[in-house]
Every structure is written in C-alpha cells, then in structure tokens.
C-alpha cells in the first residue's frame, strides 16, 4: 500500500466527547436552555448515531449505483431519507 493511504500508528483517536465545546455552543446558541449535567453527552451520542446512519445509507446508495466511492449525490440522497425517518 502507498504511504498516503495508511494511517500512522502514532495518531491516537480521542476517546472523550468534546464536552467543553458542546457546552459553549449550547450557551451561545440557546442561553436560556437548561441542560442536565450529562445532557451534552446525549446530544453528542445522537449526532454520532445520525452520522453512522448517514454513512450506512450513503454506502447503500453507492452500492446500488455500482460505485466504489461515496460521492456528494449519495450523501444528499441518504440525508433526505434519514431526515425523514428521524422526524418521527
């Protein structure tokens, strides 16, 4: 494999949610909103689950088009489907 396609072993994946960033964004956007102590973690988890569903649906769209690469059109089509499902 080429060196550009491999991930270096020295780079560590962050295991913690960016709690300070999330709290700051919530305070800036909705200062009147009162969250529980771990409410920001639930929001972070919800975002991760949404991105995971979006990636799976995009991969499915790419496979249906017999394309190995997920492009912008696949993600946009998947976003429409996922947002309709998550509306409830």
N, C-alpha and C. Protein backbone atom coordinates (compact mmCIF):
# COMPACT_ATOMS: atom_id res chain seq x y z
N UNK A 1 0.82 -1.18 0.00
CA UNK A 1 0.00 0.00 0.00
C UNK A 1 0.87 1.24 0.00
N UNK A 2 0.35 2.26 -0.57
CA UNK A 2 1.06 3.53 -0.58
C UNK A 2 0.98 4.16 0.80
N UNK A 3 1.97 4.96 1.12
CA UNK A 3 2.01 5.57 2.45
C UNK A 3 0.89 6.58 2.66
N UNK A 4 0.34 7.12 1.57
CA UNK A 4 -0.72 8.11 1.72
C UNK A 4 -2.06 7.48 2.10
N UNK A 5 -2.22 6.18 1.85
CA UNK A 5 -3.49 5.53 2.16
C UNK A 5 -3.50 4.87 3.53
N UNK A 6 -2.35 4.78 4.19
CA UNK A 6 -2.32 4.15 5.50
C UNK A 6 -2.35 5.21 6.60
N UNK A 7 -2.90 4.83 7.72
CA UNK A 7 -2.98 5.73 8.87
C UNK A 7 -1.79 5.44 9.77
N UNK A 8 -1.11 6.48 10.19
CA UNK A 8 0.05 6.27 11.05
C UNK A 8 -0.39 5.73 12.40
N UNK A 9 0.44 4.90 12.98
CA UNK A 9 0.13 4.28 14.26
C UNK A 9 0.27 5.27 15.41
N UNK A 10 0.98 6.38 15.23
CA UNK A 10 1.21 7.34 16.29
C UNK A 10 -0.01 8.18 16.59
N UNK A 11 -0.90 8.34 15.64
CA UNK A 11 -2.06 9.18 15.84
C UNK A 11 -3.09 8.45 16.69
N UNK A 12 -3.45 9.03 17.80
CA UNK A 12 -4.42 8.43 18.72
C UNK A 12 -5.81 8.99 18.45
N UNK A 13 -6.80 8.15 18.56
CA UNK A 13 -8.18 8.58 18.41
C UNK A 13 -8.67 9.07 19.76
N UNK A 14 -9.32 10.21 19.77
CA UNK A 14 -9.84 10.74 21.02
C UNK A 14 -10.98 9.86 21.51
N UNK A 15 -10.95 9.51 22.77
CA UNK A 15 -11.97 8.65 23.35
C UNK A 15 -13.02 9.43 24.12
N UNK A 16 -12.83 10.72 24.26
CA UNK A 16 -13.76 11.52 25.04
C UNK A 16 -14.56 12.44 24.14
N UNK A 17 -15.76 12.75 24.57
CA UNK A 17 -16.59 13.70 23.84
C UNK A 17 -16.08 15.11 24.12
N UNK A 18 -16.17 16.02 23.15
CA UNK A 18 -15.72 17.40 23.36
C UNK A 18 -16.73 18.18 24.20
N UNK A 19 -16.75 17.93 25.50
CA UNK A 19 -17.80 18.45 26.37
C UNK A 19 -17.75 19.96 26.50
N UNK A 20 -16.54 20.52 26.64
CA UNK A 20 -16.43 21.97 26.77
C UNK A 20 -16.93 22.69 25.54
N UNK A 21 -16.58 22.17 24.39
CA UNK A 21 -17.03 22.76 23.12
C UNK A 21 -18.54 22.70 23.01
N UNK A 22 -19.12 21.54 23.33
CA UNK A 22 -20.57 21.39 23.24
C UNK A 22 -21.30 22.34 24.19
N UNK A 23 -20.82 22.44 25.41
CA UNK A 23 -21.45 23.34 26.37
C UNK A 23 -21.38 24.79 25.91
N UNK A 24 -20.21 25.18 25.36
CA UNK A 24 -20.03 26.55 24.89
C UNK A 24 -20.98 26.86 23.74
N UNK A 25 -21.13 25.91 22.82
CA UNK A 25 -22.03 26.12 21.68
C UNK A 25 -23.47 26.23 22.16
N UNK A 26 -23.86 25.38 23.11
CA UNK A 26 -25.22 25.46 23.63
C UNK A 26 -25.48 26.80 24.30
N UNK A 27 -24.52 27.27 25.07
CA UNK A 27 -24.69 28.55 25.76
C UNK A 27 -24.77 29.72 24.78
N UNK A 28 -24.00 29.65 23.68
CA UNK A 28 -24.03 30.72 22.70
C UNK A 28 -25.32 30.72 21.90
N UNK A 29 -25.77 29.54 21.49
CA UNK A 29 -26.95 29.45 20.64
C UNK A 29 -28.25 29.58 21.43
N UNK A 30 -28.31 28.93 22.57
CA UNK A 30 -29.54 28.91 23.38
C UNK A 30 -29.17 29.21 24.84
N UNK A 31 -28.97 30.46 25.19
CA UNK A 31 -28.54 30.77 26.56
C UNK A 31 -29.60 30.45 27.62
N UNK A 32 -30.86 30.43 27.24
CA UNK A 32 -31.93 30.14 28.19
C UNK A 32 -32.14 28.64 28.41
N UNK A 33 -31.50 27.80 27.60
CA UNK A 33 -31.66 26.35 27.67
C UNK A 33 -30.93 25.80 28.89
N UNK A 34 -31.64 25.03 29.68
CA UNK A 34 -31.03 24.44 30.87
C UNK A 34 -30.91 22.94 30.64
N UNK A 35 -29.67 22.47 30.51
CA UNK A 35 -29.42 21.05 30.30
C UNK A 35 -29.02 20.38 31.60
N UNK A 36 -29.28 19.10 31.67
CA UNK A 36 -28.82 18.30 32.80
C UNK A 36 -27.29 18.21 32.74
N UNK A 37 -26.68 17.66 33.76
CA UNK A 37 -25.22 17.62 33.81
C UNK A 37 -24.63 16.80 32.67
N UNK A 38 -25.31 15.77 32.25
CA UNK A 38 -24.80 14.94 31.16
C UNK A 38 -25.66 15.04 29.90
N UNK A 39 -26.40 16.11 29.77
CA UNK A 39 -27.24 16.31 28.59
C UNK A 39 -26.43 16.51 27.33
N UNK A 40 -25.26 17.13 27.47
CA UNK A 40 -24.41 17.34 26.30
C UNK A 40 -23.89 16.02 25.75
N UNK A 41 -23.68 15.03 26.62
CA UNK A 41 -23.25 13.72 26.15
C UNK A 41 -24.33 13.03 25.33
N UNK A 42 -25.58 13.22 25.73
CA UNK A 42 -26.68 12.64 24.96
C UNK A 42 -26.79 13.28 23.59
N UNK A 43 -26.56 14.58 23.51
CA UNK A 43 -26.58 15.28 22.22
C UNK A 43 -25.44 14.78 21.35
N UNK A 44 -24.27 14.60 21.95
CA UNK A 44 -23.11 14.10 21.21
C UNK A 44 -23.38 12.69 20.68
N UNK A 45 -23.96 11.83 21.52
CA UNK A 45 -24.28 10.48 21.10
C UNK A 45 -25.29 10.49 19.96
N UNK A 46 -26.29 11.36 20.05
CA UNK A 46 -27.29 11.47 19.00
C UNK A 46 -26.65 11.88 17.67
N UNK A 47 -25.71 12.81 17.72
CA UNK A 47 -25.00 13.23 16.50
C UNK A 47 -24.20 12.08 15.90
N UNK A 48 -23.52 11.32 16.76
CA UNK A 48 -22.73 10.19 16.27
C UNK A 48 -23.62 9.12 15.63
N UNK A 49 -24.75 8.87 16.24
CA UNK A 49 -25.68 7.88 15.67
C UNK A 49 -26.24 8.35 14.33
N UNK A 50 -26.53 9.64 14.23
CA UNK A 50 -27.02 10.19 12.96
C UNK A 50 -25.97 10.04 11.87
N UNK A 51 -24.72 10.37 12.19
CA UNK A 51 -23.65 10.26 11.20
C UNK A 51 -23.44 8.81 10.80
N UNK A 52 -23.57 7.88 11.75
CA UNK A 52 -23.42 6.46 11.43
C UNK A 52 -24.52 6.00 10.48
N UNK A 53 -25.77 6.39 10.76
CA UNK A 53 -26.89 6.04 9.87
C UNK A 53 -26.71 6.66 8.49
N UNK A 54 -26.23 7.90 8.46
CA UNK A 54 -26.00 8.58 7.19
C UNK A 54 -24.92 7.86 6.38
N UNK A 55 -23.87 7.43 7.03
CA UNK A 55 -22.79 6.71 6.33
C UNK A 55 -23.29 5.37 5.78
N UNK A 56 -24.09 4.65 6.56
CA UNK A 56 -24.61 3.37 6.08
C UNK A 56 -25.53 3.56 4.88
N UNK A 57 -26.41 4.54 4.96
CA UNK A 57 -27.34 4.79 3.85
C UNK A 57 -26.59 5.28 2.61
N UNK A 58 -25.56 6.08 2.80
CA UNK A 58 -24.75 6.55 1.67
C UNK A 58 -24.02 5.39 1.00
N UNK A 59 -23.52 4.47 1.83
CA UNK A 59 -22.83 3.29 1.29
C UNK A 59 -23.80 2.43 0.50
N UNK A 60 -25.03 2.30 1.00
CA UNK A 60 -26.05 1.53 0.29
C UNK A 60 -26.36 2.17 -1.06
N UNK A 61 -26.48 3.49 -1.08
CA UNK A 61 -26.75 4.20 -2.34
C UNK A 61 -25.61 4.03 -3.32
N UNK A 62 -24.38 4.06 -2.83
CA UNK A 62 -23.23 3.88 -3.71
C UNK A 62 -23.19 2.47 -4.28
N UNK A 63 -23.54 1.48 -3.46
CA UNK A 63 -23.56 0.09 -3.94
C UNK A 63 -24.65 -0.12 -4.98
N UNK A 64 -25.79 0.54 -4.80
CA UNK A 64 -26.87 0.43 -5.78
C UNK A 64 -26.45 1.01 -7.12
N UNK A 65 -25.64 2.06 -7.11
CA UNK A 65 -25.14 2.67 -8.33
C UNK A 65 -23.91 1.98 -8.88
N UNK A 66 -23.49 0.90 -8.22
CA UNK A 66 -22.29 0.15 -8.59
C UNK A 66 -21.07 1.07 -8.62
N UNK A 67 -20.98 1.88 -7.60
CA UNK A 67 -19.88 2.84 -7.48
C UNK A 67 -19.11 2.50 -6.21
N UNK A 68 -17.79 2.49 -6.30
CA UNK A 68 -16.98 2.17 -5.13
C UNK A 68 -16.76 3.36 -4.21
N UNK A 69 -16.95 4.55 -4.73
CA UNK A 69 -16.70 5.77 -3.97
C UNK A 69 -18.03 6.43 -3.63
N UNK A 70 -18.17 6.83 -2.38
CA UNK A 70 -19.36 7.56 -1.95
C UNK A 70 -19.15 9.02 -2.33
N UNK A 71 -20.01 9.54 -3.19
CA UNK A 71 -19.85 10.93 -3.59
C UNK A 71 -20.97 11.80 -3.00
N UNK A 72 -20.95 13.04 -3.36
CA UNK A 72 -21.88 14.03 -2.80
C UNK A 72 -23.34 13.66 -3.04
N UNK A 73 -23.64 13.16 -4.23
CA UNK A 73 -25.03 12.80 -4.55
C UNK A 73 -25.55 11.68 -3.66
N UNK A 74 -24.69 10.70 -3.36
CA UNK A 74 -25.10 9.61 -2.49
C UNK A 74 -25.41 10.11 -1.08
N UNK A 75 -24.60 11.03 -0.58
CA UNK A 75 -24.80 11.56 0.76
C UNK A 75 -26.07 12.42 0.82
N UNK A 76 -26.31 13.23 -0.20
CA UNK A 76 -27.51 14.07 -0.21
C UNK A 76 -28.78 13.24 -0.28
N UNK A 77 -28.77 12.18 -1.10
CA UNK A 77 -29.93 11.31 -1.18
C UNK A 77 -30.16 10.59 0.15
N UNK A 78 -29.08 10.17 0.78
CA UNK A 78 -29.19 9.49 2.07
C UNK A 78 -29.68 10.45 3.14
N UNK A 79 -29.24 11.70 3.09
CA UNK A 79 -29.66 12.69 4.09
C UNK A 79 -31.16 12.92 4.03
N UNK A 80 -31.72 12.96 2.83
CA UNK A 80 -33.16 13.15 2.70
C UNK A 80 -33.91 12.00 3.36
N UNK A 81 -33.44 10.78 3.14
CA UNK A 81 -34.11 9.61 3.70
C UNK A 81 -33.97 9.58 5.23
N UNK A 82 -32.76 9.81 5.72
CA UNK A 82 -32.51 9.75 7.16
C UNK A 82 -33.26 10.85 7.89
N UNK A 83 -33.30 12.06 7.33
CA UNK A 83 -34.02 13.15 7.99
C UNK A 83 -35.51 12.89 8.04
N UNK A 84 -36.07 12.28 7.00
CA UNK A 84 -37.49 11.93 7.02
C UNK A 84 -37.78 10.88 8.10
N UNK A 85 -36.87 9.91 8.24
CA UNK A 85 -37.06 8.87 9.25
C UNK A 85 -36.93 9.42 10.66
N UNK A 86 -36.02 10.37 10.84
CA UNK A 86 -35.76 10.86 12.20
C UNK A 86 -36.75 11.93 12.64
N UNK A 87 -37.59 12.42 11.73
CA UNK A 87 -38.58 13.42 12.09
C UNK A 87 -39.61 12.88 13.06
N UNK A 88 -39.95 11.62 12.88
CA UNK A 88 -40.88 10.98 13.79
C UNK A 88 -42.23 11.38 13.53
